[in-house]
C-alpha atoms as a PDB file:
ATOM      1  CA  MET A   1      15.729  -8.706  -6.180  1.00  0.00           C
ATOM      2  CA  PRO A   2      13.928 -11.129  -8.565  1.00  0.00           C
ATOM      3  CA  ILE A   3      10.473 -12.088  -7.358  1.00  0.00           C
ATOM      4  CA  GLY A   4      11.239 -15.785  -7.758  1.00  0.00           C
ATOM      5  CA  GLU A   5      14.209 -15.653  -5.523  1.00  0.00           C
ATOM      6  CA  THR A   6      12.378 -13.632  -2.867  1.00  0.00           C
ATOM      7  CA  MET A   7       9.350 -15.960  -2.820  1.00  0.00           C
ATOM      8  CA  THR A   8      11.579 -19.019  -2.718  1.00  0.00           C
ATOM      9  CA  ALA A   9      13.387 -17.513   0.384  1.00  0.00           C
ATOM     10  CA  LEU A  10      10.051 -16.586   2.042  1.00  0.00           C
ATOM     11  CA  ASN A  11       8.536 -20.022   1.476  1.00  0.00           C
ATOM     12  CA  GLN A  12      11.627 -21.603   2.992  1.00  0.00           C
ATOM     13  CA  ILE A  13      11.394 -19.632   6.197  1.00  0.00           C
ATOM     14  CA  LYS A  14       7.630 -20.174   6.363  1.00  0.00           C
ATOM     15  CA  GLU A  15       8.184 -23.987   6.087  1.00  0.00           C
ATOM     16  CA  GLN A  16      10.814 -23.582   9.004  1.00  0.00           C
ATOM     17  CA  GLY A  17       8.070 -21.893  11.089  1.00  0.00           C
ATOM     18  CA  LYS A  18       9.888 -18.557  11.316  1.00  0.00           C
ATOM     19  CA  ILE A  19       6.973 -16.763   9.750  1.00  0.00           C
ATOM     20  CA  ARG A  20       3.243 -17.566   9.552  1.00  0.00           C
ATOM     21  CA  ALA A  21       2.296 -15.733   6.386  1.00  0.00           C
ATOM     22  CA  ILE A  22       3.736 -14.025   3.294  1.00  0.00           C
ATOM     23  CA  GLY A  23       2.437 -10.526   2.573  1.00  0.00           C
ATOM     24  CA  VAL A  24       3.375  -8.209  -0.331  1.00  0.00           C
ATOM     25  CA  SER A  25       3.098  -4.405  -0.595  1.00  0.00           C
ATOM     26  CA  ASN A  26       3.052  -1.904  -3.409  1.00  0.00           C
ATOM     27  CA  VAL A  27       2.924  -4.611  -6.251  1.00  0.00           C
ATOM     28  CA  SER A  28       1.021  -4.678  -9.553  1.00  0.00           C
ATOM     29  CA  ARG A  29      -1.434  -7.380 -10.468  1.00  0.00           C
ATOM     30  CA  GLU A  30       1.297  -8.714 -12.734  1.00  0.00           C
ATOM     31  CA  GLN A  31       3.661  -8.928  -9.905  1.00  0.00           C
ATOM     32  CA  LEU A  32       1.168 -10.709  -7.789  1.00  0.00           C
ATOM     33  CA  GLU A  33       0.558 -13.223 -10.489  1.00  0.00           C
ATOM     34  CA  GLU A  34       4.271 -13.811 -10.907  1.00  0.00           C
ATOM     35  CA  ALA A  35       4.874 -14.270  -7.206  1.00  0.00           C
ATOM     36  CA  ALA A  36       1.886 -16.693  -6.868  1.00  0.00           C
ATOM     37  CA  GLN A  37       3.849 -18.928  -9.356  1.00  0.00           C
ATOM     38  CA  TYR A  38       6.381 -19.545  -6.570  1.00  0.00           C
ATOM     39  CA  GLY A  39       4.089 -20.008  -3.575  1.00  0.00           C
ATOM     40  CA  ARG A  40       1.079 -18.880  -1.652  1.00  0.00           C
ATOM     41  CA  ILE A  41       0.764 -15.034  -0.986  1.00  0.00           C
ATOM     42  CA  ASP A  42      -1.386 -14.592   2.083  1.00  0.00           C
ATOM     43  CA  SER A  43      -1.988 -10.923   1.937  1.00  0.00           C
ATOM     44  CA  LEU A  44      -1.685  -7.680  -0.186  1.00  0.00           C
ATOM     45  CA  GLN A  45      -0.924  -4.490   1.695  1.00  0.00           C
ATOM     46  CA  PRO A  46      -1.633  -1.471  -0.511  1.00  0.00           C
ATOM     47  CA  PRO A  47      -2.060   2.191   0.137  1.00  0.00           C
ATOM     48  CA  TYR A  48      -5.843   2.663   0.050  1.00  0.00           C
ATOM     49  CA  SER A  49      -7.964   5.622   0.850  1.00  0.00           C
ATOM     50  CA  LEU A  50     -10.447   8.071  -0.671  1.00  0.00           C
ATOM     51  CA  PHE A  51      -7.549   9.504  -2.667  1.00  0.00           C
ATOM     52  CA  TRP A  52      -5.720   6.312  -3.461  1.00  0.00           C
ATOM     53  CA  ARG A  53      -8.205   3.782  -4.899  1.00  0.00           C
ATOM     54  CA  GLY A  54      -6.147   2.275  -7.617  1.00  0.00           C
ATOM     55  CA  VAL A  55      -6.008  -1.141  -6.007  1.00  0.00           C
ATOM     56  CA  GLU A  56      -9.813  -1.512  -6.764  1.00  0.00           C
ATOM     57  CA  LYS A  57      -9.259  -1.938 -10.441  1.00  0.00           C
ATOM     58  CA  GLU A  58      -6.600  -4.619 -10.710  1.00  0.00           C
ATOM     59  CA  GLN A  59      -5.210  -5.962  -7.425  1.00  0.00           C
ATOM     60  CA  GLN A  60      -8.466  -6.234  -5.372  1.00  0.00           C
ATOM     61  CA  PRO A  61     -10.287  -8.405  -8.049  1.00  0.00           C
ATOM     62  CA  TYR A  62      -7.258 -10.630  -8.166  1.00  0.00           C
ATOM     63  CA  CYS A  63      -7.166 -10.892  -4.352  1.00  0.00           C
ATOM     64  CA  ILE A  64     -10.949 -11.738  -4.220  1.00  0.00           C
ATOM     65  CA  GLU A  65     -10.479 -14.371  -7.018  1.00  0.00           C
ATOM     66  CA  HIS A  66      -7.570 -15.941  -5.196  1.00  0.00           C
ATOM     67  CA  ASN A  67      -8.759 -15.534  -1.546  1.00  0.00           C
ATOM     68  CA  LEU A  68      -5.995 -13.147  -0.542  1.00  0.00           C
ATOM     69  CA  THR A  69      -6.438 -10.827   2.431  1.00  0.00           C
ATOM     70  CA  VAL A  70      -6.207  -7.069   1.700  1.00  0.00           C
ATOM     71  CA  MET A  71      -4.742  -5.094   4.623  1.00  0.00           C
ATOM     72  CA  ALA A  72      -4.736  -1.430   3.587  1.00  0.00           C
ATOM     73  CA  TYR A  73      -2.312   1.124   4.852  1.00  0.00           C
ATOM     74  CA  SER A  74      -2.510   4.932   4.917  1.00  0.00           C
ATOM     75  CA  SER A  75      -6.300   4.796   4.964  1.00  0.00           C
ATOM     76  CA  LEU A  76      -6.232   8.472   6.248  1.00  0.00           C
ATOM     77  CA  ALA A  77      -4.035   9.490   3.250  1.00  0.00           C
ATOM     78  CA  GLN A  78      -0.997  10.241   5.529  1.00  0.00           C
ATOM     79  CA  GLY A  79      -3.217  12.279   7.892  1.00  0.00           C
ATOM     80  CA  LEU A  80      -4.829  14.446   5.219  1.00  0.00           C
ATOM     81  CA  LEU A  81      -8.333  13.089   5.793  1.00  0.00           C
ATOM     82  CA  THR A  82      -8.068  14.008   9.478  1.00  0.00           C
ATOM     83  CA  GLY A  83      -8.824  17.655   8.522  1.00  0.00           C
ATOM     84  CA  LYS A  84      -5.701  18.650  10.610  1.00  0.00           C
ATOM     85  CA  PHE A  85      -3.887  20.267   7.701  1.00  0.00           C
ATOM     86  CA  ASP A  86      -4.408  23.277   5.554  1.00  0.00           C
ATOM     87  CA  THR A  87      -2.340  25.247   2.919  1.00  0.00           C
ATOM     88  CA  SER A  88      -0.527  27.173   5.750  1.00  0.00           C
ATOM     89  CA  HIS A  89       1.019  23.926   7.155  1.00  0.00           C
ATOM     90  CA  ARG A  90       4.587  23.238   6.332  1.00  0.00           C
ATOM     91  CA  PHE A  91       6.116  19.804   6.822  1.00  0.00           C
ATOM     92  CA  PRO A  92       9.853  19.388   7.509  1.00  0.00           C
ATOM     93  CA  GLU A  93      11.869  18.514   4.372  1.00  0.00           C
ATOM     94  CA  ALA A  94      12.503  14.949   5.770  1.00  0.00           C
ATOM     95  CA  ASP A  95       8.726  14.359   5.981  1.00  0.00           C
ATOM     96  CA  ILE A  96       7.575  12.477   2.912  1.00  0.00           C
ATOM     97  CA  ARG A  97       4.431  14.518   2.920  1.00  0.00           C
ATOM     98  CA  SER A  98       6.390  17.729   2.030  1.00  0.00           C
ATOM     99  CA  LYS A  99       6.627  16.381  -1.460  1.00  0.00           C
ATOM    100  CA  ASN A 100       3.097  14.660  -1.756  1.00  0.00           C
ATOM    101  CA  LYS A 101       1.025  16.732  -4.151  1.00  0.00           C
ATOM    102  CA  LEU A 102      -2.052  16.075  -1.990  1.00  0.00           C
ATOM    103  CA  PHE A 103      -0.700  18.455   0.575  1.00  0.00           C
ATOM    104  CA  HIS A 104      -0.205  21.363  -1.927  1.00  0.00           C
ATOM    105  CA  PRO A 105      -2.578  23.684  -3.749  1.00  0.00           C
ATOM    106  CA  PRO A 106      -4.539  23.194  -5.853  1.00  0.00           C
ATOM    107  CA  LEU A 107      -5.413  19.825  -4.562  1.00  0.00           C
ATOM    108  CA  LEU A 108      -5.301  20.974  -0.819  1.00  0.00           C
ATOM    109  CA  SER A 109      -7.793  23.761  -0.463  1.00  0.00           C
ATOM    110  CA  GLY A 110      -7.363  26.813   1.661  1.00  0.00           C
ATOM    111  CA  ALA A 111     -10.215  25.695   4.035  1.00  0.00           C
ATOM    112  CA  GLU A 112      -9.680  26.634   7.625  1.00  0.00           C
ATOM    113  CA  LYS A 113      -9.013  23.969  10.187  1.00  0.00           C
ATOM    114  CA  SER A 114     -12.017  23.024  12.302  1.00  0.00           C
END
């Protein structure tokens, strides 16, 4: 779906009072800039944790400059930062973490659970 069409539709339903804000997730700085050409973006919702800090380089400075709220998700890296998982843990195939390289050696150490 083109960004312009999406933003136009979101702005229409915002004007109708059906939504209060427009938020975007998993977008690049370029996509933020493109979307902003069609209306106000109120928040960016990126994955952000000790492992996923990419937003700090491009999107976060843009958000600061344009007064956009940043509402991070997965701040515990899908549970990895809880200390609950070690190399012996197996996720069901349907669990997205079963394919996440953070949950597999060598990135996940063999440290015992505490």
